[in-house]
Amino acid sequence: VYSPASGSLGECQPNITGIASQGGTLYVTAPAMIVTDPFSLCTDIYDMGTRKNKTIFSLEFGVDLTIALYAAIDYRRDIAGAFATTPWYQVSPRGWVPITAFGREFRIRAKTLTYEWFAPDYINIKGVTHAS
């Protein structure tokens, strides 16, 4: 979208076609209702520094939200195989969620069902590494 105030292009929702200010009022134009996508996060592959099998028992998120956060874990036992995903579970208001996943590699997923801006502070993973 072109901003006449700054004389430059900027990124925004895909259906916004213009933003301008007139008489101190900001106007946004779009051919249809502007929809803001909910938050969604997927980490990079995480193997906890070992190729051994591991079991994750729970996740803890450091976030400040007024809406519900949901979490899931992608996991795979064979690095050449496809990832499977656990069901989605609601994270407690204290940031904790019990999720069990067994594998060698993992990706942590988080999402909200409606939009709220936030930045995760941390994700703690509780689990064990197996001997073989």
N, C-alpha and C. Protein backbone atom coordinates (compact mmCIF):
# COMPACT_ATOMS: atom_id res chain seq x y z
N VAL A 1 0.85 -1.17 0.00
CA VAL A 1 0.00 0.00 0.00
C VAL A 1 0.90 1.23 0.00
N TYR A 2 0.55 2.19 -0.81
CA TYR A 2 1.31 3.44 -0.89
C TYR A 2 0.85 4.41 0.18
N SER A 3 1.78 4.98 0.92
CA SER A 3 1.48 5.98 1.94
C SER A 3 1.91 7.35 1.44
N PRO A 4 0.95 8.25 1.18
CA PRO A 4 1.35 9.58 0.73
C PRO A 4 2.09 10.37 1.81
N ALA A 5 1.84 10.05 3.09
CA ALA A 5 2.51 10.77 4.18
C ALA A 5 4.02 10.51 4.16
N SER A 6 4.41 9.27 3.94
CA SER A 6 5.84 8.93 3.93
C SER A 6 6.39 8.82 2.51
N GLY A 7 5.49 8.80 1.52
CA GLY A 7 5.94 8.67 0.14
C GLY A 7 6.55 7.32 -0.17
N SER A 8 6.07 6.28 0.53
CA SER A 8 6.66 4.95 0.32
C SER A 8 5.59 3.88 0.36
N LEU A 9 6.02 2.65 0.00
CA LEU A 9 5.14 1.50 0.05
C LEU A 9 5.31 0.78 1.37
N GLY A 10 4.24 0.16 1.85
CA GLY A 10 4.30 -0.60 3.09
C GLY A 10 3.48 -1.87 2.97
N GLU A 11 3.71 -2.79 3.89
CA GLU A 11 3.01 -4.07 3.88
C GLU A 11 1.83 -4.02 4.85
N CYS A 12 0.72 -4.64 4.45
CA CYS A 12 -0.47 -4.68 5.30
C CYS A 12 -1.34 -5.86 4.87
N GLN A 13 -2.57 -5.90 5.36
CA GLN A 13 -3.48 -6.97 4.97
C GLN A 13 -3.65 -6.97 3.45
N PRO A 14 -3.80 -8.15 2.85
CA PRO A 14 -3.79 -8.25 1.39
C PRO A 14 -4.89 -7.47 0.68
N ASN A 15 -6.04 -7.24 1.33
CA ASN A 15 -7.11 -6.58 0.61
C ASN A 15 -7.19 -5.07 0.87
N ILE A 16 -6.26 -4.49 1.63
CA ILE A 16 -6.23 -3.04 1.81
C ILE A 16 -5.63 -2.42 0.55
N THR A 17 -6.34 -1.45 0.00
CA THR A 17 -5.87 -0.82 -1.24
C THR A 17 -5.41 0.61 -1.04
N GLY A 18 -5.66 1.20 0.12
CA GLY A 18 -5.21 2.56 0.34
C GLY A 18 -5.35 2.99 1.79
N ILE A 19 -4.45 3.89 2.22
CA ILE A 19 -4.49 4.49 3.55
C ILE A 19 -4.17 5.96 3.38
N ALA A 20 -5.00 6.82 3.97
CA ALA A 20 -4.76 8.25 3.86
C ALA A 20 -5.32 8.96 5.08
N SER A 21 -4.89 10.18 5.29
CA SER A 21 -5.37 10.99 6.39
C SER A 21 -5.92 12.28 5.82
N GLN A 22 -7.11 12.66 6.31
CA GLN A 22 -7.72 13.90 5.87
C GLN A 22 -8.35 14.57 7.08
N GLY A 23 -7.94 15.77 7.37
CA GLY A 23 -8.50 16.51 8.50
C GLY A 23 -8.26 15.82 9.83
N GLY A 24 -7.14 15.11 9.97
CA GLY A 24 -6.82 14.42 11.21
C GLY A 24 -7.48 13.05 11.37
N THR A 25 -8.28 12.65 10.39
CA THR A 25 -8.94 11.33 10.44
C THR A 25 -8.22 10.39 9.48
N LEU A 26 -7.90 9.19 9.96
CA LEU A 26 -7.24 8.19 9.14
C LEU A 26 -8.30 7.37 8.41
N TYR A 27 -8.15 7.23 7.11
CA TYR A 27 -9.08 6.45 6.29
C TYR A 27 -8.34 5.26 5.69
N VAL A 28 -8.97 4.11 5.71
CA VAL A 28 -8.44 2.89 5.12
C VAL A 28 -9.46 2.40 4.11
N THR A 29 -9.02 2.08 2.91
CA THR A 29 -9.93 1.59 1.88
C THR A 29 -9.61 0.16 1.51
N ALA A 30 -10.67 -0.59 1.25
CA ALA A 30 -10.55 -1.99 0.84
C ALA A 30 -11.83 -2.38 0.11
N PRO A 31 -11.73 -3.29 -0.86
CA PRO A 31 -12.93 -3.70 -1.60
C PRO A 31 -13.86 -4.60 -0.79
N ALA A 32 -13.38 -5.12 0.34
CA ALA A 32 -14.20 -6.00 1.19
C ALA A 32 -13.77 -5.79 2.64
N MET A 33 -14.46 -6.46 3.57
CA MET A 33 -14.13 -6.32 4.97
C MET A 33 -12.67 -6.72 5.21
N ILE A 34 -11.98 -5.94 6.05
CA ILE A 34 -10.58 -6.21 6.37
C ILE A 34 -10.56 -7.25 7.48
N VAL A 35 -9.85 -8.34 7.24
CA VAL A 35 -9.77 -9.44 8.20
C VAL A 35 -8.32 -9.58 8.64
N THR A 36 -8.11 -9.62 9.94
CA THR A 36 -6.77 -9.82 10.48
C THR A 36 -6.64 -11.28 10.89
N ASP A 37 -5.67 -11.97 10.33
CA ASP A 37 -5.48 -13.38 10.63
C ASP A 37 -5.06 -13.58 12.08
N PRO A 38 -5.49 -14.68 12.69
CA PRO A 38 -5.02 -14.98 14.05
C PRO A 38 -3.53 -15.32 14.05
N PHE A 39 -2.94 -15.31 15.23
CA PHE A 39 -1.53 -15.61 15.40
C PHE A 39 -1.29 -17.10 15.17
N SER A 40 -0.18 -17.43 14.51
CA SER A 40 0.22 -18.82 14.31
C SER A 40 1.74 -18.88 14.32
N LEU A 41 2.30 -19.88 15.02
CA LEU A 41 3.74 -20.03 15.13
C LEU A 41 4.10 -21.49 14.94
N CYS A 42 5.19 -21.75 14.22
CA CYS A 42 5.77 -23.08 14.11
C CYS A 42 7.27 -22.92 14.17
N THR A 43 7.90 -23.54 15.17
CA THR A 43 9.35 -23.42 15.32
C THR A 43 10.07 -24.22 14.25
N ASP A 44 11.36 -24.02 14.17
CA ASP A 44 12.21 -24.84 13.33
C ASP A 44 12.33 -26.22 13.99
N ILE A 45 12.93 -27.17 13.31
CA ILE A 45 13.10 -28.52 13.85
C ILE A 45 14.01 -28.47 15.07
N TYR A 46 13.61 -29.16 16.12
CA TYR A 46 14.32 -29.17 17.40
C TYR A 46 14.57 -30.61 17.80
N ASP A 47 15.86 -30.98 18.01
CA ASP A 47 16.18 -32.36 18.38
C ASP A 47 16.84 -32.47 19.76
N MET A 48 16.86 -31.39 20.51
CA MET A 48 17.42 -31.33 21.86
C MET A 48 18.89 -31.72 21.89
N GLY A 49 19.57 -31.57 20.78
CA GLY A 49 21.01 -31.81 20.72
C GLY A 49 21.43 -33.27 20.69
N THR A 50 20.49 -34.17 20.40
CA THR A 50 20.85 -35.59 20.32
C THR A 50 19.95 -36.29 19.31
N ARG A 51 20.46 -37.37 18.71
CA ARG A 51 19.68 -38.15 17.75
C ARG A 51 18.91 -39.27 18.44
N LYS A 52 19.00 -39.37 19.75
CA LYS A 52 18.27 -40.41 20.50
C LYS A 52 16.78 -40.08 20.54
N ASN A 53 15.98 -41.11 20.86
CA ASN A 53 14.54 -40.91 21.04
C ASN A 53 14.29 -40.08 22.28
N LYS A 54 13.24 -39.27 22.22
CA LYS A 54 12.86 -38.41 23.33
C LYS A 54 11.35 -38.44 23.51
N THR A 55 10.89 -38.14 24.72
CA THR A 55 9.47 -37.95 24.98
C THR A 55 9.28 -36.58 25.59
N ILE A 56 8.41 -35.79 24.99
CA ILE A 56 8.02 -34.50 25.56
C ILE A 56 6.73 -34.73 26.34
N PHE A 57 6.67 -34.18 27.56
CA PHE A 57 5.50 -34.34 28.42
C PHE A 57 4.67 -33.07 28.54
N SER A 58 5.32 -31.91 28.44
CA SER A 58 4.57 -30.66 28.58
C SER A 58 5.36 -29.50 28.00
N LEU A 59 4.64 -28.40 27.76
CA LEU A 59 5.24 -27.16 27.27
C LEU A 59 4.83 -26.04 28.21
N GLU A 60 5.69 -25.05 28.32
CA GLU A 60 5.37 -23.86 29.09
C GLU A 60 5.69 -22.65 28.22
N PHE A 61 4.70 -21.77 28.05
CA PHE A 61 4.84 -20.58 27.21
C PHE A 61 4.91 -19.34 28.09
N GLY A 62 5.85 -18.48 27.81
CA GLY A 62 5.93 -17.18 28.46
C GLY A 62 5.25 -16.15 27.59
N VAL A 63 3.95 -15.94 27.82
CA VAL A 63 3.17 -15.00 27.02
C VAL A 63 2.19 -14.25 27.92
N ASP A 64 1.83 -13.07 27.49
CA ASP A 64 0.78 -12.29 28.14
C ASP A 64 -0.33 -12.10 27.13
N LEU A 65 -1.41 -12.84 27.30
CA LEU A 65 -2.56 -12.79 26.38
C LEU A 65 -3.85 -12.63 27.17
N THR A 66 -4.83 -12.01 26.54
CA THR A 66 -6.17 -11.96 27.13
C THR A 66 -7.09 -12.97 26.46
N ILE A 67 -6.61 -13.61 25.39
CA ILE A 67 -7.38 -14.64 24.69
C ILE A 67 -6.68 -15.98 24.84
N ALA A 68 -7.35 -17.05 24.44
CA ALA A 68 -6.81 -18.41 24.60
C ALA A 68 -5.69 -18.68 23.59
N LEU A 69 -4.66 -19.37 24.08
CA LEU A 69 -3.56 -19.85 23.25
C LEU A 69 -3.66 -21.36 23.18
N TYR A 70 -3.41 -21.93 22.01
CA TYR A 70 -3.45 -23.37 21.81
C TYR A 70 -2.08 -23.83 21.34
N ALA A 71 -1.72 -25.07 21.70
CA ALA A 71 -0.41 -25.61 21.34
C ALA A 71 -0.54 -27.04 20.83
N ALA A 72 0.40 -27.42 19.98
CA ALA A 72 0.52 -28.78 19.46
C ALA A 72 2.00 -29.04 19.19
N ILE A 73 2.34 -30.29 19.00
CA ILE A 73 3.72 -30.66 18.70
C ILE A 73 3.75 -31.51 17.44
N ASP A 74 4.61 -31.13 16.50
CA ASP A 74 4.92 -32.00 15.36
C ASP A 74 6.05 -32.91 15.82
N TYR A 75 6.00 -34.18 15.44
CA TYR A 75 7.05 -35.11 15.86
C TYR A 75 7.29 -36.14 14.76
N ARG A 76 8.51 -36.64 14.73
CA ARG A 76 8.82 -37.75 13.82
C ARG A 76 9.94 -38.58 14.43
N ARG A 77 9.88 -39.87 14.14
CA ARG A 77 10.87 -40.81 14.66
C ARG A 77 12.01 -41.02 13.68
N ASP A 78 11.71 -40.87 12.39
CA ASP A 78 12.69 -41.08 11.32
C ASP A 78 12.91 -39.74 10.62
N ILE A 79 14.17 -39.31 10.53
CA ILE A 79 14.43 -38.00 9.94
C ILE A 79 14.05 -37.92 8.46
N ALA A 80 13.88 -39.06 7.80
CA ALA A 80 13.45 -39.07 6.41
C ALA A 80 11.93 -39.14 6.29
N GLY A 81 11.24 -39.35 7.41
CA GLY A 81 9.79 -39.49 7.40
C GLY A 81 9.08 -38.16 7.54
N ALA A 82 7.78 -38.23 7.40
CA ALA A 82 6.94 -37.03 7.53
C ALA A 82 6.64 -36.77 9.01
N PHE A 83 6.37 -35.53 9.34
CA PHE A 83 5.96 -35.18 10.69
C PHE A 83 4.50 -35.55 10.91
N ALA A 84 4.18 -36.01 12.10
CA ALA A 84 2.80 -36.17 12.56
C ALA A 84 2.56 -35.06 13.57
N THR A 85 1.31 -34.74 13.83
CA THR A 85 0.98 -33.65 14.76
C THR A 85 0.02 -34.13 15.83
N THR A 86 0.30 -33.76 17.08
CA THR A 86 -0.61 -34.07 18.18
C THR A 86 -1.88 -33.24 18.00
N PRO A 87 -2.94 -33.59 18.72
CA PRO A 87 -4.10 -32.69 18.74
C PRO A 87 -3.71 -31.33 19.36
N TRP A 88 -4.52 -30.32 19.12
CA TRP A 88 -4.32 -29.00 19.72
C TRP A 88 -4.90 -29.01 21.13
N TYR A 89 -4.15 -28.42 22.06
CA TYR A 89 -4.59 -28.31 23.46
C TYR A 89 -4.54 -26.85 23.88
N GLN A 90 -5.50 -26.45 24.71
CA GLN A 90 -5.51 -25.07 25.21
C GLN A 90 -4.46 -24.91 26.30
N VAL A 91 -3.69 -23.86 26.20
CA VAL A 91 -2.66 -23.54 27.19
C VAL A 91 -3.35 -22.87 28.38
N SER A 92 -2.96 -23.26 29.59
CA SER A 92 -3.58 -22.69 30.79
C SER A 92 -3.22 -21.21 30.91
N PRO A 93 -3.97 -20.45 31.70
CA PRO A 93 -3.65 -19.04 31.90
C PRO A 93 -2.24 -18.82 32.47
N ARG A 94 -1.66 -19.84 33.12
CA ARG A 94 -0.30 -19.73 33.65
C ARG A 94 0.75 -20.12 32.61
N GLY A 95 0.31 -20.49 31.39
CA GLY A 95 1.24 -20.77 30.30
C GLY A 95 1.63 -22.23 30.14
N TRP A 96 1.00 -23.14 30.88
CA TRP A 96 1.40 -24.55 30.88
C TRP A 96 0.38 -25.39 30.11
N VAL A 97 0.87 -26.39 29.39
CA VAL A 97 -0.01 -27.31 28.69
C VAL A 97 0.60 -28.70 28.67
N PRO A 98 -0.17 -29.73 29.12
CA PRO A 98 0.34 -31.10 29.05
C PRO A 98 0.13 -31.67 27.65
N ILE A 99 1.22 -32.01 26.98
CA ILE A 99 1.17 -32.64 25.65
C ILE A 99 2.25 -33.71 25.64
N THR A 100 1.90 -34.91 25.21
CA THR A 100 2.88 -35.98 25.12
C THR A 100 3.17 -36.29 23.66
N ALA A 101 4.47 -36.32 23.33
CA ALA A 101 4.91 -36.67 21.98
C ALA A 101 6.24 -37.42 22.08
N PHE A 102 6.37 -38.49 21.29
CA PHE A 102 7.58 -39.31 21.27
C PHE A 102 8.21 -39.23 19.89
N GLY A 103 9.51 -38.99 19.82
CA GLY A 103 10.19 -38.95 18.53
C GLY A 103 11.64 -38.56 18.67
N ARG A 104 12.26 -38.29 17.52
CA ARG A 104 13.65 -37.82 17.49
C ARG A 104 13.73 -36.33 17.19
N GLU A 105 12.78 -35.83 16.40
CA GLU A 105 12.75 -34.42 16.03
C GLU A 105 11.34 -33.87 16.28
N PHE A 106 11.31 -32.59 16.65
CA PHE A 106 10.04 -31.96 17.01
C PHE A 106 9.98 -30.55 16.42
N ARG A 107 8.76 -30.06 16.25
CA ARG A 107 8.49 -28.65 15.99
C ARG A 107 7.36 -28.27 16.94
N ILE A 108 7.48 -27.12 17.57
CA ILE A 108 6.45 -26.65 18.49
C ILE A 108 5.53 -25.70 17.75
N ARG A 109 4.23 -25.90 17.92
CA ARG A 109 3.22 -25.06 17.27
C ARG A 109 2.39 -24.33 18.32
N ALA A 110 1.99 -23.11 17.99
CA ALA A 110 1.09 -22.34 18.85
C ALA A 110 0.19 -21.51 17.96
N LYS A 111 -1.04 -21.26 18.43
CA LYS A 111 -1.97 -20.45 17.64
C LYS A 111 -3.02 -19.84 18.56
N THR A 112 -3.64 -18.80 18.06
CA THR A 112 -4.83 -18.23 18.68
C THR A 112 -5.95 -18.35 17.66
N LEU A 113 -7.19 -18.27 18.11
CA LEU A 113 -8.33 -18.39 17.20
C LEU A 113 -8.80 -17.03 16.70
N THR A 114 -8.42 -15.96 17.41
CA THR A 114 -8.70 -14.59 16.99
C THR A 114 -7.40 -13.80 17.12
N TYR A 115 -7.37 -12.63 16.54
CA TYR A 115 -6.15 -11.84 16.53
C TYR A 115 -5.94 -11.11 17.85
N GLU A 116 -4.73 -11.18 18.36
CA GLU A 116 -4.24 -10.31 19.43
C GLU A 116 -2.73 -10.24 19.25
N TRP A 117 -2.19 -9.03 19.23
CA TRP A 117 -0.75 -8.89 19.07
C TRP A 117 -0.04 -9.29 20.35
N PHE A 118 1.00 -10.08 20.22
CA PHE A 118 1.86 -10.42 21.35
C PHE A 118 3.16 -10.99 20.83
N ALA A 119 4.15 -11.05 21.71
CA ALA A 119 5.43 -11.64 21.38
C ALA A 119 5.77 -12.66 22.45
N PRO A 120 5.93 -13.93 22.09
CA PRO A 120 6.29 -14.93 23.09
C PRO A 120 7.66 -14.61 23.70
N ASP A 121 7.76 -14.71 25.03
CA ASP A 121 9.03 -14.49 25.72
C ASP A 121 9.89 -15.74 25.68
N TYR A 122 9.28 -16.91 25.87
CA TYR A 122 10.02 -18.16 25.87
C TYR A 122 9.07 -19.33 25.71
N ILE A 123 9.63 -20.48 25.35
CA ILE A 123 8.92 -21.76 25.34
C ILE A 123 9.83 -22.75 26.06
N ASN A 124 9.39 -23.27 27.19
CA ASN A 124 10.13 -24.32 27.90
C ASN A 124 9.54 -25.67 27.54
N ILE A 125 10.41 -26.62 27.25
CA ILE A 125 9.99 -27.98 26.90
C ILE A 125 10.39 -28.91 28.03
N LYS A 126 9.43 -29.66 28.57
CA LYS A 126 9.71 -30.63 29.63
C LYS A 126 9.63 -32.02 29.03
N GLY A 127 10.71 -32.79 29.18
CA GLY A 127 10.71 -34.14 28.63
C GLY A 127 11.95 -34.89 29.05
N VAL A 128 12.13 -36.07 28.46
CA VAL A 128 13.28 -36.92 28.77
C VAL A 128 13.90 -37.44 27.49
N THR A 129 15.20 -37.72 27.56
CA THR A 129 15.92 -38.39 26.48
C THR A 129 16.08 -39.84 26.87
N HIS A 130 15.77 -40.75 25.96
CA HIS A 130 15.86 -42.18 26.24
C HIS A 130 17.27 -42.70 25.91
N ALA A 131 17.63 -43.80 26.55
CA ALA A 131 18.97 -44.36 26.41
C ALA A 131 19.28 -44.83 24.99
N SER A 132 18.27 -45.32 24.28
CA SER A 132 18.54 -45.84 22.93
C SER A 132 17.89 -45.00 21.86
